[in-house]
Amino acid sequence: MLINYMVETKMELKPGLTVRVYQKIKELNSKGEEKERVQYFEGMIIARKHNKEIGATITVRKVSDGIGVEKIFPLNLPTITKIEIKKEAQVRQAKLYYLRSGYKKKLKEKVVK
């Protein structure tokens, strides 16, 4: 779960991080059987709300085929299997909503191992 992940890596989820969120998804196949698979959503965290509360969420944004896609993930969601941190951008604000309106400059990033 996410709590174990944070204890292991000692890194907190904050705006500016590029993360990969793995989530379990249940699907019905053609025979009507229920199958479960893991799908990931990779993008940059643009907001974190309700910091240490049970209802804490992160908003992750990515650009797919020129269209911006945002997903809001509750951190205590049981279907989230893990969250990987890929890159860390240097930002000076708590909410990065300015990235929605076509921010042209490149953020300074460093790759996290």
PDB file of N, CA and C in Angstrom:
ATOM      1  N   MET A   1       0.829  -1.192   0.000  1.00  0.00           N
ATOM      2  CA  MET A   1       0.000   0.000   0.000  1.00  0.00           C
ATOM      3  C   MET A   1       0.867   1.246   0.000  1.00  0.00           C
ATOM      4  N   LEU A   2       0.251   2.365  -0.067  1.00  0.00           N
ATOM      5  CA  LEU A   2       0.977   3.628  -0.153  1.00  0.00           C
ATOM      6  C   LEU A   2       1.740   3.918   1.135  1.00  0.00           C
ATOM      7  N   ILE A   3       1.161   3.576   2.276  1.00  0.00           N
ATOM      8  CA  ILE A   3       1.810   3.878   3.550  1.00  0.00           C
ATOM      9  C   ILE A   3       3.143   3.141   3.628  1.00  0.00           C
ATOM     10  N   ASN A   4       3.142   1.854   3.228  1.00  0.00           N
ATOM     11  CA  ASN A   4       4.387   1.088   3.220  1.00  0.00           C
ATOM     12  C   ASN A   4       5.391   1.711   2.262  1.00  0.00           C
ATOM     13  N   TYR A   5       4.904   2.194   1.137  1.00  0.00           N
ATOM     14  CA  TYR A   5       5.775   2.794   0.134  1.00  0.00           C
ATOM     15  C   TYR A   5       6.472   4.022   0.695  1.00  0.00           C
ATOM     16  N   MET A   6       5.713   4.870   1.385  1.00  0.00           N
ATOM     17  CA  MET A   6       6.314   6.085   1.925  1.00  0.00           C
ATOM     18  C   MET A   6       7.325   5.772   3.020  1.00  0.00           C
ATOM     19  N   VAL A   7       7.067   4.730   3.807  1.00  0.00           N
ATOM     20  CA  VAL A   7       7.999   4.355   4.862  1.00  0.00           C
ATOM     21  C   VAL A   7       9.294   3.843   4.253  1.00  0.00           C
ATOM     22  N   GLU A   8       9.184   3.052   3.169  1.00  0.00           N
ATOM     23  CA  GLU A   8      10.368   2.483   2.538  1.00  0.00           C
ATOM     24  C   GLU A   8      11.253   3.542   1.894  1.00  0.00           C
ATOM     25  N   THR A   9      10.660   4.464   1.136  1.00  0.00           N
ATOM     26  CA  THR A   9      11.468   5.394   0.361  1.00  0.00           C
ATOM     27  C   THR A   9      11.770   6.701   1.086  1.00  0.00           C
ATOM     28  N   LYS A  10      11.031   7.010   2.130  1.00  0.00           N
ATOM     29  CA  LYS A  10      11.222   8.235   2.911  1.00  0.00           C
ATOM     30  C   LYS A  10      11.004   9.489   2.063  1.00  0.00           C
ATOM     31  N   MET A  11      10.280   9.360   0.944  1.00  0.00           N
ATOM     32  CA  MET A  11      10.031  10.498   0.085  1.00  0.00           C
ATOM     33  C   MET A  11       8.544  10.796   0.086  1.00  0.00           C
ATOM     34  N   GLU A  12       8.216  12.047   0.215  1.00  0.00           N
ATOM     35  CA  GLU A  12       6.820  12.442   0.289  1.00  0.00           C
ATOM     36  C   GLU A  12       6.323  12.850  -1.093  1.00  0.00           C
ATOM     37  N   LEU A  13       5.061  12.552  -1.369  1.00  0.00           N
ATOM     38  CA  LEU A  13       4.456  12.954  -2.629  1.00  0.00           C
ATOM     39  C   LEU A  13       4.160  14.443  -2.568  1.00  0.00           C
ATOM     40  N   LYS A  14       4.705  15.189  -3.513  1.00  0.00           N
ATOM     41  CA  LYS A  14       4.522  16.636  -3.519  1.00  0.00           C
ATOM     42  C   LYS A  14       4.419  17.118  -4.948  1.00  0.00           C
ATOM     43  N   PRO A  15       3.895  18.307  -5.181  1.00  0.00           N
ATOM     44  CA  PRO A  15       3.788  18.841  -6.535  1.00  0.00           C
ATOM     45  C   PRO A  15       5.160  18.958  -7.206  1.00  0.00           C
ATOM     46  N   GLY A  16       5.179  18.652  -8.489  1.00  0.00           N
ATOM     47  CA  GLY A  16       6.428  18.692  -9.240  1.00  0.00           C
ATOM     48  C   GLY A  16       7.024  17.323  -9.465  1.00  0.00           C
ATOM     49  N   LEU A  17       6.554  16.311  -8.749  1.00  0.00           N
ATOM     50  CA  LEU A  17       7.061  14.959  -8.952  1.00  0.00           C
ATOM     51  C   LEU A  17       6.355  14.314 -10.136  1.00  0.00           C
ATOM     52  N   THR A  18       7.117  13.638 -10.975  1.00  0.00           N
ATOM     53  CA  THR A  18       6.525  12.821 -12.026  1.00  0.00           C
ATOM     54  C   THR A  18       6.415  11.418 -11.457  1.00  0.00           C
ATOM     55  N   VAL A  19       5.187  10.914 -11.383  1.00  0.00           N
ATOM     56  CA  VAL A  19       4.936   9.631 -10.733  1.00  0.00           C
ATOM     57  C   VAL A  19       4.230   8.683 -11.685  1.00  0.00           C
ATOM     58  N   ARG A  20       4.288   7.414 -11.354  1.00  0.00           N
ATOM     59  CA  ARG A  20       3.553   6.370 -12.061  1.00  0.00           C
ATOM     60  C   ARG A  20       2.681   5.680 -11.011  1.00  0.00           C
ATOM     61  N   VAL A  21       1.366   5.837 -11.138  1.00  0.00           N
ATOM     62  CA  VAL A  21       0.414   5.291 -10.176  1.00  0.00           C
ATOM     63  C   VAL A  21      -0.150   3.997 -10.755  1.00  0.00           C
ATOM     64  N   TYR A  22       0.090   2.877 -10.074  1.00  0.00           N
ATOM     65  CA  TYR A  22      -0.419   1.575 -10.496  1.00  0.00           C
ATOM     66  C   TYR A  22      -1.752   1.320  -9.805  1.00  0.00           C
ATOM     67  N   GLN A  23      -2.764   0.947 -10.590  1.00  0.00           N
ATOM     68  CA  GLN A  23      -4.115   0.768 -10.062  1.00  0.00           C
ATOM     69  C   GLN A  23      -4.710  -0.529 -10.611  1.00  0.00           C
ATOM     70  N   LYS A  24      -5.363  -1.310  -9.730  1.00  0.00           N
ATOM     71  CA  LYS A  24      -6.037  -2.536 -10.153  1.00  0.00           C
ATOM     72  C   LYS A  24      -7.364  -2.178 -10.801  1.00  0.00           C
ATOM     73  N   ILE A  25      -7.654  -2.831 -11.936  1.00  0.00           N
ATOM     74  CA  ILE A  25      -8.905  -2.585 -12.653  1.00  0.00           C
ATOM     75  C   ILE A  25      -9.575  -3.928 -12.915  1.00  0.00           C
ATOM     76  N   LYS A  26     -10.872  -4.006 -12.588  1.00  0.00           N
ATOM     77  CA  LYS A  26     -11.644  -5.219 -12.852  1.00  0.00           C
ATOM     78  C   LYS A  26     -12.378  -5.043 -14.167  1.00  0.00           C
ATOM     79  N   GLU A  27     -12.311  -6.087 -15.012  1.00  0.00           N
ATOM     80  CA  GLU A  27     -12.959  -6.049 -16.317  1.00  0.00           C
ATOM     81  C   GLU A  27     -13.753  -7.323 -16.529  1.00  0.00           C
ATOM     82  N   LEU A  28     -14.767  -7.236 -17.375  1.00  0.00           N
ATOM     83  CA  LEU A  28     -15.511  -8.416 -17.797  1.00  0.00           C
ATOM     84  C   LEU A  28     -15.045  -8.798 -19.199  1.00  0.00           C
ATOM     85  N   ASN A  29     -14.690 -10.083 -19.377  1.00  0.00           N
ATOM     86  CA  ASN A  29     -14.299 -10.516 -20.719  1.00  0.00           C
ATOM     87  C   ASN A  29     -15.541 -10.946 -21.504  1.00  0.00           C
ATOM     88  N   SER A  30     -15.350 -11.484 -22.692  1.00  0.00           N
ATOM     89  CA  SER A  30     -16.483 -11.823 -23.561  1.00  0.00           C
ATOM     90  C   SER A  30     -17.359 -12.934 -22.978  1.00  0.00           C
ATOM     91  N   LYS A  31     -16.793 -13.780 -22.124  1.00  0.00           N
ATOM     92  CA  LYS A  31     -17.565 -14.864 -21.512  1.00  0.00           C
ATOM     93  C   LYS A  31     -18.292 -14.410 -20.248  1.00  0.00           C
ATOM     94  N   GLY A  32     -18.089 -13.184 -19.848  1.00  0.00           N
ATOM     95  CA  GLY A  32     -18.732 -12.668 -18.644  1.00  0.00           C
ATOM     96  C   GLY A  32     -17.940 -12.917 -17.380  1.00  0.00           C
ATOM     97  N   GLU A  33     -16.711 -13.406 -17.514  1.00  0.00           N
ATOM     98  CA  GLU A  33     -15.856 -13.637 -16.349  1.00  0.00           C
ATOM     99  C   GLU A  33     -15.160 -12.345 -15.964  1.00  0.00           C
ATOM    100  N   GLU A  34     -14.958 -12.187 -14.675  1.00  0.00           N
ATOM    101  CA  GLU A  34     -14.319 -10.972 -14.182  1.00  0.00           C
ATOM    102  C   GLU A  34     -12.811 -11.184 -14.101  1.00  0.00           C
ATOM    103  N   LYS A  35     -12.070 -10.323 -14.763  1.00  0.00           N
ATOM    104  CA  LYS A  35     -10.612 -10.397 -14.732  1.00  0.00           C
ATOM    105  C   LYS A  35     -10.078  -9.140 -14.073  1.00  0.00           C
ATOM    106  N   GLU A  36      -8.934  -9.271 -13.434  1.00  0.00           N
ATOM    107  CA  GLU A  36      -8.318  -8.126 -12.775  1.00  0.00           C
ATOM    108  C   GLU A  36      -6.927  -7.918 -13.357  1.00  0.00           C
ATOM    109  N   ARG A  37      -6.624  -6.675 -13.696  1.00  0.00           N
ATOM    110  CA  ARG A  37      -5.304  -6.353 -14.215  1.00  0.00           C
ATOM    111  C   ARG A  37      -4.833  -5.054 -13.585  1.00  0.00           C
ATOM    112  N   VAL A  38      -3.551  -4.785 -13.732  1.00  0.00           N
ATOM    113  CA  VAL A  38      -2.965  -3.568 -13.167  1.00  0.00           C
ATOM    114  C   VAL A  38      -2.656  -2.619 -14.322  1.00  0.00           C
ATOM    115  N   GLN A  39      -3.128  -1.389 -14.186  1.00  0.00           N
ATOM    116  CA  GLN A  39      -2.898  -0.359 -15.206  1.00  0.00           C
ATOM    117  C   GLN A  39      -2.210   0.816 -14.515  1.00  0.00           C
ATOM    118  N   TYR A  40      -1.280   1.451 -15.206  1.00  0.00           N
ATOM    119  CA  TYR A  40      -0.623   2.603 -14.589  1.00  0.00           C
ATOM    120  C   TYR A  40      -0.972   3.886 -15.327  1.00  0.00           C
ATOM    121  N   PHE A  41      -0.891   4.985 -14.580  1.00  0.00           N
ATOM    122  CA  PHE A  41      -1.126   6.334 -15.101  1.00  0.00           C
ATOM    123  C   PHE A  41       0.094   7.141 -14.717  1.00  0.00           C
ATOM    124  N   GLU A  42       0.827   7.626 -15.710  1.00  0.00           N
ATOM    125  CA  GLU A  42       2.068   8.354 -15.436  1.00  0.00           C
ATOM    126  C   GLU A  42       1.894   9.821 -15.783  1.00  0.00           C
ATOM    127  N   GLY A  43       2.248  10.690 -14.855  1.00  0.00           N
ATOM    128  CA  GLY A  43       2.156  12.118 -15.078  1.00  0.00           C
ATOM    129  C   GLY A  43       2.745  12.885 -13.912  1.00  0.00           C
ATOM    130  N   MET A  44       2.593  14.195 -13.960  1.00  0.00           N
ATOM    131  CA  MET A  44       3.142  15.062 -12.917  1.00  0.00           C
ATOM    132  C   MET A  44       2.070  15.416 -11.890  1.00  0.00           C
ATOM    133  N   ILE A  45       2.466  15.401 -10.635  1.00  0.00           N
ATOM    134  CA  ILE A  45       1.549  15.816  -9.573  1.00  0.00           C
ATOM    135  C   ILE A  45       1.441  17.330  -9.633  1.00  0.00           C
ATOM    136  N   ILE A  46       0.219  17.852  -9.813  1.00  0.00           N
ATOM    137  CA  ILE A  46       0.045  19.305  -9.846  1.00  0.00           C
ATOM    138  C   ILE A  46      -0.600  19.822  -8.563  1.00  0.00           C
ATOM    139  N   ALA A  47      -1.164  18.923  -7.741  1.00  0.00           N
ATOM    140  CA  ALA A  47      -1.765  19.359  -6.483  1.00  0.00           C
ATOM    141  C   ALA A  47      -1.820  18.202  -5.506  1.00  0.00           C
ATOM    142  N   ARG A  48      -1.681  18.539  -4.241  1.00  0.00           N
ATOM    143  CA  ARG A  48      -1.896  17.593  -3.154  1.00  0.00           C
ATOM    144  C   ARG A  48      -2.807  18.285  -2.163  1.00  0.00           C
ATOM    145  N   LYS A  49      -3.889  17.598  -1.791  1.00  0.00           N
ATOM    146  CA  LYS A  49      -4.868  18.205  -0.890  1.00  0.00           C
ATOM    147  C   LYS A  49      -5.065  17.348   0.340  1.00  0.00           C
ATOM    148  N   HIS A  50      -5.381  17.979   1.453  1.00  0.00           N
ATOM    149  CA  HIS A  50      -5.668  17.329   2.737  1.00  0.00           C
ATOM    150  C   HIS A  50      -4.478  16.468   3.171  1.00  0.00           C
ATOM    151  N   ASN A  51      -3.380  17.106   3.380  1.00  0.00           N
ATOM    152  CA  ASN A  51      -2.050  16.526   3.522  1.00  0.00           C
ATOM    153  C   ASN A  51      -1.984  15.182   4.247  1.00  0.00           C
ATOM    154  N   LYS A  52      -2.242  15.137   5.555  1.00  0.00           N
ATOM    155  CA  LYS A  52      -2.071  13.896   6.317  1.00  0.00           C
ATOM    156  C   LYS A  52      -3.402  13.253   6.695  1.00  0.00           C
ATOM    157  N   GLU A  53      -4.517  13.763   6.176  1.00  0.00           N
ATOM    158  CA  GLU A  53      -5.823  13.232   6.534  1.00  0.00           C
ATOM    159  C   GLU A  53      -6.109  11.929   5.799  1.00  0.00           C
ATOM    160  N   ILE A  54      -7.175  11.259   6.206  1.00  0.00           N
ATOM    161  CA  ILE A  54      -7.571  10.010   5.564  1.00  0.00           C
ATOM    162  C   ILE A  54      -8.031  10.269   4.136  1.00  0.00           C
ATOM    163  N   GLY A  55      -8.691  11.385   3.902  1.00  0.00           N
ATOM    164  CA  GLY A  55      -9.199  11.704   2.570  1.00  0.00           C
ATOM    165  C   GLY A  55      -8.218  12.445   1.681  1.00  0.00           C
ATOM    166  N   ALA A  56      -6.922  12.282   1.902  1.00  0.00           N
ATOM    167  CA  ALA A  56      -5.905  12.994   1.123  1.00  0.00           C
ATOM    168  C   ALA A  56      -5.930  12.545  -0.332  1.00  0.00           C
ATOM    169  N   THR A  57      -5.732  13.496  -1.252  1.00  0.00           N
ATOM    170  CA  THR A  57      -5.739  13.198  -2.681  1.00  0.00           C
ATOM    171  C   THR A  57      -4.550  13.862  -3.369  1.00  0.00           C
ATOM    172  N   ILE A  58      -4.185  13.294  -4.524  1.00  0.00           N
ATOM    173  CA  ILE A  58      -3.216  13.941  -5.410  1.00  0.00           C
ATOM    174  C   ILE A  58      -3.864  14.054  -6.783  1.00  0.00           C
ATOM    175  N   THR A  59      -3.559  15.140  -7.476  1.00  0.00           N
ATOM    176  CA  THR A  59      -4.027  15.336  -8.840  1.00  0.00           C
ATOM    177  C   THR A  59      -2.835  15.141  -9.760  1.00  0.00           C
ATOM    178  N   VAL A  60      -2.950  14.172 -10.684  1.00  0.00           N
ATOM    179  CA  VAL A  60      -1.865  13.832 -11.594  1.00  0.00           C
ATOM    180  C   VAL A  60      -2.291  14.234 -13.006  1.00  0.00           C
ATOM    181  N   ARG A  61      -1.406  14.929 -13.715  1.00  0.00           N
ATOM    182  CA  ARG A  61      -1.711  15.434 -15.056  1.00  0.00           C
ATOM    183  C   ARG A  61      -0.685  14.909 -16.054  1.00  0.00           C
ATOM    184  N   LYS A  62      -1.186  14.489 -17.211  1.00  0.00           N
ATOM    185  CA  LYS A  62      -0.304  14.114 -18.316  1.00  0.00           C
ATOM    186  C   LYS A  62      -0.909  14.648 -19.604  1.00  0.00           C
ATOM    187  N   VAL A  63      -0.092  14.762 -20.631  1.00  0.00           N
ATOM    188  CA  VAL A  63      -0.562  15.197 -21.938  1.00  0.00           C
ATOM    189  C   VAL A  63      -0.494  13.986 -22.855  1.00  0.00           C
ATOM    190  N   SER A  64      -1.647  13.571 -23.382  1.00  0.00           N
ATOM    191  CA  SER A  64      -1.749  12.398 -24.233  1.00  0.00           C
ATOM    192  C   SER A  64      -2.281  12.823 -25.599  1.00  0.00           C
ATOM    193  N   ASP A  65      -1.458  12.691 -26.631  1.00  0.00           N
ATOM    194  CA  ASP A  65      -1.816  13.094 -27.998  1.00  0.00           C
ATOM    195  C   ASP A  65      -2.247  14.550 -28.077  1.00  0.00           C
ATOM    196  N   GLY A  66      -1.572  15.410 -27.348  1.00  0.00           N
ATOM    197  CA  GLY A  66      -1.870  16.837 -27.384  1.00  0.00           C
ATOM    198  C   GLY A  66      -3.050  17.254 -26.521  1.00  0.00           C
ATOM    199  N   ILE A  67      -3.647  16.311 -25.793  1.00  0.00           N
ATOM    200  CA  ILE A  67      -4.788  16.614 -24.927  1.00  0.00           C
ATOM    201  C   ILE A  67      -4.373  16.371 -23.483  1.00  0.00           C
ATOM    202  N   GLY A  68      -4.621  17.343 -22.623  1.00  0.00           N
ATOM    203  CA  GLY A  68      -4.297  17.205 -21.216  1.00  0.00           C
ATOM    204  C   GLY A  68      -5.306  16.322 -20.507  1.00  0.00           C
ATOM    205  N   VAL A  69      -4.800  15.354 -19.743  1.00  0.00           N
ATOM    206  CA  VAL A  69      -5.649  14.431 -18.989  1.00  0.00           C
ATOM    207  C   VAL A  69      -5.252  14.523 -17.531  1.00  0.00           C
ATOM    208  N   GLU A  70      -6.239  14.715 -16.658  1.00  0.00           N
ATOM    209  CA  GLU A  70      -5.980  14.775 -15.228  1.00  0.00           C
ATOM    210  C   GLU A  70      -6.798  13.724 -14.510  1.00  0.00           C
ATOM    211  N   LYS A  71      -6.187  13.121 -13.499  1.00  0.00           N
ATOM    212  CA  LYS A  71      -6.884  12.161 -12.657  1.00  0.00           C
ATOM    213  C   LYS A  71      -6.632  12.530 -11.217  1.00  0.00           C
ATOM    214  N   ILE A  72      -7.655  12.388 -10.402  1.00  0.00           N
ATOM    215  CA  ILE A  72      -7.533  12.644  -8.968  1.00  0.00           C
ATOM    216  C   ILE A  72      -7.537  11.295  -8.269  1.00  0.00           C
ATOM    217  N   PHE A  73      -6.462  11.007  -7.539  1.00  0.00           N
ATOM    218  CA  PHE A  73      -6.334   9.739  -6.831  1.00  0.00           C
ATOM    219  C   PHE A  73      -6.433   9.965  -5.329  1.00  0.00           C
ATOM    220  N   PRO A  74      -7.428   9.358  -4.656  1.00  0.00           N
ATOM    221  CA  PRO A  74      -7.399   9.340  -3.190  1.00  0.00           C
ATOM    222  C   PRO A  74      -6.241   8.436  -2.761  1.00  0.00           C
ATOM    223  N   LEU A  75      -5.438   8.881  -1.815  1.00  0.00           N
ATOM    224  CA  LEU A  75      -4.246   8.118  -1.447  1.00  0.00           C
ATOM    225  C   LEU A  75      -4.582   6.835  -0.699  1.00  0.00           C
ATOM    226  N   ASN A  76      -5.731   6.768  -0.054  1.00  0.00           N
ATOM    227  CA  ASN A  76      -6.108   5.562   0.674  1.00  0.00           C
ATOM    228  C   ASN A  76      -6.973   4.624  -0.156  1.00  0.00           C
ATOM    229  N   LEU A  77      -6.984   4.778  -1.462  1.00  0.00           N
ATOM    230  CA  LEU A  77      -7.770   3.933  -2.343  1.00  0.00           C
ATOM    231  C   LEU A  77      -7.202   2.509  -2.322  1.00  0.00           C
ATOM    232  N   PRO A  78      -8.031   1.505  -2.019  1.00  0.00           N
ATOM    233  CA  PRO A  78      -7.497   0.139  -1.921  1.00  0.00           C
ATOM    234  C   PRO A  78      -7.031  -0.428  -3.264  1.00  0.00           C
ATOM    235  N   THR A  79      -7.486   0.128  -4.388  1.00  0.00           N
ATOM    236  CA  THR A  79      -7.070  -0.403  -5.690  1.00  0.00           C
ATOM    237  C   THR A  79      -5.691   0.090  -6.127  1.00  0.00           C
ATOM    238  N   ILE A  80      -5.143   1.091  -5.469  1.00  0.00           N
ATOM    239  CA  ILE A  80      -3.794   1.560  -5.800  1.00  0.00           C
ATOM    240  C   ILE A  80      -2.791   0.581  -5.204  1.00  0.00           C
ATOM    241  N   THR A  81      -1.990  -0.051  -6.078  1.00  0.00           N
ATOM    242  CA  THR A  81      -1.025  -1.026  -5.590  1.00  0.00           C
ATOM    243  C   THR A  81       0.299  -0.374  -5.215  1.00  0.00           C
ATOM    244  N   LYS A  82       0.774   0.553  -6.057  1.00  0.00           N
ATOM    245  CA  LYS A  82       2.016   1.249  -5.703  1.00  0.00           C
ATOM    246  C   LYS A  82       2.118   2.545  -6.486  1.00  0.00           C
ATOM    247  N   ILE A  83       2.997   3.411  -6.004  1.00  0.00           N
ATOM    248  CA  ILE A  83       3.278   4.686  -6.663  1.00  0.00           C
ATOM    249  C   ILE A  83       4.792   4.796  -6.805  1.00  0.00           C
ATOM    250  N   GLU A  84       5.252   4.871  -8.050  1.00  0.00           N
ATOM    251  CA  GLU A  84       6.677   5.020  -8.329  1.00  0.00           C
ATOM    252  C   GLU A  84       6.984   6.471  -8.644  1.00  0.00           C
ATOM    253  N   ILE A  85       8.073   6.962  -8.095  1.00  0.00           N
ATOM    254  CA  ILE A  85       8.522   8.323  -8.399  1.00  0.00           C
ATOM    255  C   ILE A  85       9.585   8.229  -9.482  1.00  0.00           C
ATOM    256  N   LYS A  86       9.345   8.910 -10.611  1.00  0.00           N
ATOM    257  CA  LYS A  86      10.263   8.851 -11.739  1.00  0.00           C
ATOM    258  C   LYS A  86      11.217  10.038 -11.778  1.00  0.00           C
ATOM    259  N   LYS A  87      10.672  11.259 -11.711  1.00  0.00           N
ATOM    260  CA  LYS A  87      11.478  12.476 -11.803  1.00  0.00           C
ATOM    261  C   LYS A  87      10.992  13.479 -10.776  1.00  0.00           C
ATOM    262  N   GLU A  88      11.842  14.431 -10.485  1.00  0.00           N
ATOM    263  CA  GLU A  88      11.482  15.500  -9.559  1.00  0.00           C
ATOM    264  C   GLU A  88      11.813  16.835 -10.207  1.00  0.00           C
ATOM    265  N   ALA A  89      10.801  17.696 -10.336  1.00  0.00           N
ATOM    266  CA  ALA A  89      11.001  19.021 -10.919  1.00  0.00           C
ATOM    267  C   ALA A  89      11.147  20.042  -9.792  1.00  0.00           C
ATOM    268  N   GLN A  90      11.921  21.066 -10.057  1.00  0.00           N
ATOM    269  CA  GLN A  90      12.120  22.125  -9.074  1.00  0.00           C
ATOM    270  C   GLN A  90      10.979  23.129  -9.242  1.00  0.00           C
ATOM    271  N   VAL A  91      10.086  23.194  -8.260  1.00  0.00           N
ATOM    272  CA  VAL A  91       8.948  24.111  -8.306  1.00  0.00           C
ATOM    273  C   VAL A  91       8.917  24.929  -7.024  1.00  0.00           C
ATOM    274  N   ARG A  92       8.246  26.093  -7.103  1.00  0.00           N
ATOM    275  CA  ARG A  92       8.216  26.988  -5.951  1.00  0.00           C
ATOM    276  C   ARG A  92       6.797  27.271  -5.478  1.00  0.00           C
ATOM    277  N   GLN A  93       5.833  26.508  -5.987  1.00  0.00           N
ATOM    278  CA  GLN A  93       4.443  26.712  -5.579  1.00  0.00           C
ATOM    279  C   GLN A  93       3.839  25.398  -5.123  1.00  0.00           C
ATOM    280  N   ALA A  94       2.819  25.492  -4.300  1.00  0.00           N
ATOM    281  CA  ALA A  94       2.157  24.299  -3.789  1.00  0.00           C
ATOM    282  C   ALA A  94       1.158  23.724  -4.780  1.00  0.00           C
ATOM    283  N   LYS A  95       0.606  24.549  -5.643  1.00  0.00           N
ATOM    284  CA  LYS A  95      -0.346  24.099  -6.647  1.00  0.00           C
ATOM    285  C   LYS A  95       0.172  24.541  -8.017  1.00  0.00           C
ATOM    286  N   LEU A  96       0.255  23.615  -8.955  1.00  0.00           N
ATOM    287  CA  LEU A  96       0.836  23.906 -10.263  1.00  0.00           C
ATOM    288  C   LEU A  96      -0.242  24.016 -11.333  1.00  0.00           C
ATOM    289  N   TYR A  97      -1.325  24.722 -11.024  1.00  0.00           N
ATOM    290  CA  TYR A  97      -2.430  24.845 -11.969  1.00  0.00           C
ATOM    291  C   TYR A  97      -2.043  25.642 -13.207  1.00  0.00           C
ATOM    292  N   TYR A  98      -0.952  26.388 -13.160  1.00  0.00           N
ATOM    293  CA  TYR A  98      -0.528  27.158 -14.324  1.00  0.00           C
ATOM    294  C   TYR A  98      -0.066  26.249 -15.461  1.00  0.00           C
ATOM    295  N   LEU A  99       0.198  24.975 -15.192  1.00  0.00           N
ATOM    296  CA  LEU A  99       0.594  24.042 -16.248  1.00  0.00           C
ATOM    297  C   LEU A  99      -0.579  23.710 -17.167  1.00  0.00           C
ATOM    298  N   ARG A 100      -1.811  23.931 -16.695  1.00  0.00           N
ATOM    299  CA  ARG A 100      -2.995  23.656 -17.506  1.00  0.00           C
ATOM    300  C   ARG A 100      -3.107  24.591 -18.702  1.00  0.00           C
ATOM    301  N   SER A 101      -2.688  25.823 -18.532  1.00  0.00           N
ATOM    302  CA  SER A 101      -2.918  26.836 -19.560  1.00  0.00           C
ATOM    303  C   SER A 101      -1.761  26.941 -20.559  1.00  0.00           C
ATOM    304  N   GLY A 102      -1.109  25.835 -20.845  1.00  0.00           N
ATOM    305  CA  GLY A 102      -0.083  25.826 -21.871  1.00  0.00           C
ATOM    306  C   GLY A 102       1.186  26.542 -21.474  1.00  0.00           C
ATOM    307  N   TYR A 103       1.746  26.205 -20.324  1.00  0.00           N
ATOM    308  CA  TYR A 103       2.995  26.783 -19.849  1.00  0.00           C
ATOM    309  C   TYR A 103       4.115  26.351 -20.779  1.00  0.00           C
ATOM    310  N   LYS A 104       4.811  27.308 -21.379  1.00  0.00           N
ATOM    311  CA  LYS A 104       5.785  27.014 -22.426  1.00  0.00           C
ATOM    312  C   LYS A 104       7.183  26.663 -21.909  1.00  0.00           C
ATOM    313  N   LYS A 105       7.560  27.204 -20.765  1.00  0.00           N
ATOM    314  CA  LYS A 105       8.908  26.964 -20.269  1.00  0.00           C
ATOM    315  C   LYS A 105       9.051  25.539 -19.746  1.00  0.00           C
ATOM    316  N   LYS A 106      10.263  25.035 -19.796  1.00  0.00           N
ATOM    317  CA  LYS A 106      10.566  23.698 -19.306  1.00  0.00           C
ATOM    318  C   LYS A 106      10.942  23.796 -17.843  1.00  0.00           C
ATOM    319  N   LEU A 107      10.386  22.916 -17.017  1.00  0.00           N
ATOM    320  CA  LEU A 107      10.741  22.891 -15.606  1.00  0.00           C
ATOM    321  C   LEU A 107      12.075  22.152 -15.446  1.00  0.00           C
ATOM    322  N   LYS A 108      12.897  22.607 -14.494  1.00  0.00           N
ATOM    323  CA  LYS A 108      14.162  21.950 -14.235  1.00  0.00           C
ATOM    324  C   LYS A 108      13.860  20.643 -13.514  1.00  0.00           C
ATOM    325  N   GLU A 109      14.364  19.548 -14.065  1.00  0.00           N
ATOM    326  CA  GLU A 109      14.066  18.236 -13.504  1.00  0.00           C
ATOM    327  C   GLU A 109      15.339  17.466 -13.209  1.00  0.00           C
ATOM    328  N   LYS A 110      15.225  16.546 -12.241  1.00  0.00           N
ATOM    329  CA  LYS A 110      16.298  15.602 -12.013  1.00  0.00           C
ATOM    330  C   LYS A 110      15.681  14.215 -11.879  1.00  0.00           C
ATOM    331  N   VAL A 111      16.374  13.198 -12.367  1.00  0.00           N
ATOM    332  CA  VAL A 111      15.855  11.831 -12.362  1.00  0.00           C
ATOM    333  C   VAL A 111      16.106  11.221 -10.985  1.00  0.00           C
ATOM    334  N   VAL A 112      15.077  10.599 -10.415  1.00  0.00           N
ATOM    335  CA  VAL A 112      15.177   9.953  -9.113  1.00  0.00           C
ATOM    336  C   VAL A 112      15.411   8.475  -9.342  1.00  0.00           C
ATOM    337  N   LYS A 113      16.365   7.898  -8.634  1.00  0.00           N
ATOM    338  CA  LYS A 113      16.670   6.467  -8.811  1.00  0.00           C
ATOM    339  C   LYS A 113      15.920   5.628  -7.813  1.00  0.00           C
TER     340      LYS A 113
END
